[in-house]
């Protein structure tokens, strides 16, 4: 129950809507439902996009929804780093757990969606790299040597 769960639904016009459910903490016992479009790149704070502002601001100064967004974004970053190096346990967990909608088509569709924050899409690209691109083969192939060294002629 510590990890955020993600749901992806088709919204009006076929655009995906990502909702993140973050469980409460000791100080904030309720859970949050966040719509990632509320943190889009069209919103700027101090000349930066809203997601960058949330990641660089002191945690105590953020609103509870912003804290939950920051936590969820950092969790996706962690998921991508856990998949590096073909970690089979992490790959199996992320591909089979119901609260993690990390199917190839879903990730690709979310990465193409321009209304989602760019930081979120960048974290998804590192996750896709670990889950699908750098996944197989598990064995190395021997390289064929096409040149010969002549020691005596």
Protein backbone atom coordinates (compact mmCIF):
# COMPACT_ATOMS: atom_id res chain seq x y z
CA UNK A 1 0.00 0.00 0.00
CA UNK A 2 3.05 2.27 0.02
CA UNK A 3 3.38 2.45 -3.74
CA UNK A 4 1.04 4.71 -5.71
CA UNK A 5 -1.37 3.00 -8.06
CA UNK A 6 -1.98 4.34 -11.54
CA UNK A 7 -5.08 4.08 -13.67
CA UNK A 8 -5.25 5.08 -17.31
CA UNK A 9 -8.64 5.72 -18.87
CA UNK A 10 -9.67 6.99 -22.25
CA UNK A 11 -11.02 10.49 -22.01
CA UNK A 12 -12.95 12.67 -24.43
CA UNK A 13 -11.46 12.62 -27.89
CA UNK A 14 -9.44 9.49 -27.12
CA UNK A 15 -6.88 11.34 -25.01
CA UNK A 16 -5.70 9.30 -22.01
CA UNK A 17 -6.47 10.45 -18.49
CA UNK A 18 -3.96 9.30 -15.87
CA UNK A 19 -5.15 9.15 -12.29
CA UNK A 20 -2.75 8.44 -9.46
CA UNK A 21 -3.94 7.15 -6.10
CA UNK A 22 -1.48 7.87 -3.31
CA UNK A 23 -2.14 6.44 0.13
CA UNK A 24 -2.14 8.76 3.12
CA UNK A 25 0.70 9.32 5.58
CA UNK A 26 0.89 9.87 9.31
CA UNK A 27 0.15 13.56 8.90
CA UNK A 28 -2.34 13.23 6.04
CA UNK A 29 -4.39 10.05 6.51
CA UNK A 30 -6.56 10.39 3.41
CA UNK A 31 -5.58 9.21 -0.03
CA UNK A 32 -5.38 11.46 -3.08
CA UNK A 33 -6.72 11.04 -6.58
CA UNK A 34 -4.58 13.16 -8.87
CA UNK A 35 -5.30 13.96 -12.50
CA UNK A 36 -1.95 14.57 -14.19
CA UNK A 37 -3.44 17.12 -16.59
CA UNK A 38 -3.73 19.46 -13.61
CA UNK A 39 0.10 19.58 -13.52
CA UNK A 40 0.62 20.19 -17.26
CA UNK A 41 3.33 22.23 -18.94
CA UNK A 42 0.91 25.04 -19.76
CA UNK A 43 0.94 26.08 -16.09
CA UNK A 44 4.01 28.11 -15.11
CA UNK A 45 5.24 29.17 -11.68
CA UNK A 46 8.19 31.57 -11.37
CA UNK A 47 8.96 31.15 -15.07
CA UNK A 48 9.18 27.33 -14.91
CA UNK A 49 6.68 24.63 -15.68
CA UNK A 50 4.58 23.48 -12.75
CA UNK A 51 6.10 19.98 -12.45
CA UNK A 52 9.67 21.38 -12.30
CA UNK A 53 8.56 23.84 -9.65
CA UNK A 54 7.10 21.02 -7.55
CA UNK A 55 10.26 18.92 -7.81
CA UNK A 56 12.61 21.74 -6.81
CA UNK A 57 10.54 23.41 -4.09
CA UNK A 58 11.04 22.54 -0.42
CA UNK A 59 8.74 19.64 0.41
CA UNK A 60 7.18 21.34 3.45
CA UNK A 61 6.07 24.34 1.39
CA UNK A 62 4.03 22.27 -1.06
CA UNK A 63 0.29 21.65 -0.90
CA UNK A 64 -0.74 18.04 -0.11
CA UNK A 65 -1.70 17.40 -3.75
CA UNK A 66 1.68 18.72 -4.91
CA UNK A 67 3.45 16.49 -2.38
CA UNK A 68 1.51 13.48 -3.66
CA UNK A 69 2.39 14.38 -7.27
CA UNK A 70 6.06 14.71 -6.35
CA UNK A 71 5.98 11.33 -4.58
CA UNK A 72 4.30 9.63 -7.54
CA UNK A 73 6.76 11.16 -10.02
CA UNK A 74 9.74 10.07 -7.95
CA UNK A 75 8.26 6.57 -7.66
CA UNK A 76 8.11 6.29 -11.46
CA UNK A 77 11.73 7.41 -11.59
CA UNK A 78 12.57 4.70 -9.05
CA UNK A 79 10.69 2.08 -11.09
CA UNK A 80 12.78 2.95 -14.14
CA UNK A 81 16.00 2.66 -12.16
CA UNK A 82 14.93 -0.67 -10.67
CA UNK A 83 14.50 -2.11 -14.16
CA UNK A 84 18.04 -1.16 -15.22
CA UNK A 85 20.34 -4.11 -15.60
CA UNK A 86 17.55 -6.51 -16.54
CA UNK A 87 16.43 -6.99 -12.94
CA UNK A 88 14.05 -9.91 -13.47
CA UNK A 89 12.24 -9.55 -10.13
CA UNK A 90 11.43 -5.89 -10.81
CA UNK A 91 10.43 -6.60 -14.42
CA UNK A 92 8.06 -9.34 -13.34
CA UNK A 93 6.55 -7.15 -10.59
CA UNK A 94 5.90 -4.15 -12.83
CA UNK A 95 4.52 -6.20 -15.70
CA UNK A 96 2.16 -8.35 -13.60
CA UNK A 97 0.91 -6.06 -10.82
CA UNK A 98 -2.59 -4.73 -11.43
CA UNK A 99 -2.02 -1.21 -10.05
CA UNK A 100 0.87 -0.70 -12.47
CA UNK A 101 -0.56 -0.24 -15.99
CA UNK A 102 2.81 -0.48 -17.69
CA UNK A 103 1.82 -2.30 -20.87
CA UNK A 104 3.81 -1.31 -23.94
CA UNK A 105 0.87 0.30 -25.73
CA UNK A 106 -0.15 2.23 -22.61
CA UNK A 107 3.34 3.62 -22.00
CA UNK A 108 3.76 4.56 -25.64
CA UNK A 109 0.38 6.32 -25.70
CA UNK A 110 1.20 8.26 -22.53
CA UNK A 111 4.60 9.29 -23.86
CA UNK A 112 2.91 10.71 -26.99
CA UNK A 113 0.27 12.65 -25.03
CA UNK A 114 1.21 16.34 -25.10
CA UNK A 115 -1.18 17.38 -22.32
CA UNK A 116 0.73 15.42 -19.66
CA UNK A 117 3.72 17.05 -17.94
CA UNK A 118 7.00 16.67 -19.82
CA UNK A 119 8.76 15.46 -16.67
CA UNK A 120 6.22 12.67 -16.28
CA UNK A 121 6.65 11.63 -19.92
CA UNK A 122 10.45 11.68 -19.51
CA UNK A 123 10.22 9.38 -16.49
CA UNK A 124 7.96 7.07 -18.48
CA UNK A 125 10.53 6.90 -21.27
CA UNK A 126 13.23 5.70 -18.86
CA UNK A 127 10.75 3.16 -17.49
CA UNK A 128 9.93 1.95 -21.01
CA UNK A 129 13.64 1.64 -21.76
CA UNK A 130 14.09 -0.65 -18.74
CA UNK A 131 10.90 -2.64 -19.20
CA UNK A 132 10.87 -3.25 -22.94
CA UNK A 133 13.95 -2.03 -24.81
CA UNK A 134 16.85 -3.27 -22.68
CA UNK A 135 15.14 -6.44 -21.58
CA UNK A 136 16.26 -9.40 -23.67
CA UNK A 137 18.39 -11.31 -24.57
CA UNK A 138 19.76 -12.50 -21.27
CA UNK A 139 22.87 -14.08 -22.80
CA UNK A 140 25.65 -12.53 -24.80
CA UNK A 141 26.48 -13.71 -28.28
CA UNK A 142 30.08 -14.57 -29.14
CA UNK A 143 31.62 -12.23 -31.66
CA UNK A 144 33.14 -13.77 -34.76
CA UNK A 145 36.71 -12.72 -35.50
CA UNK A 146 37.09 -12.19 -39.24
CA UNK A 147 40.76 -11.19 -39.23
CA UNK A 148 43.74 -13.47 -38.73
CA UNK A 149 47.09 -12.59 -37.29
CA UNK A 150 50.05 -13.95 -39.17
CA UNK A 151 53.08 -14.36 -36.96
CA UNK A 152 55.26 -16.21 -39.48
CA UNK A 153 55.21 -15.69 -43.18
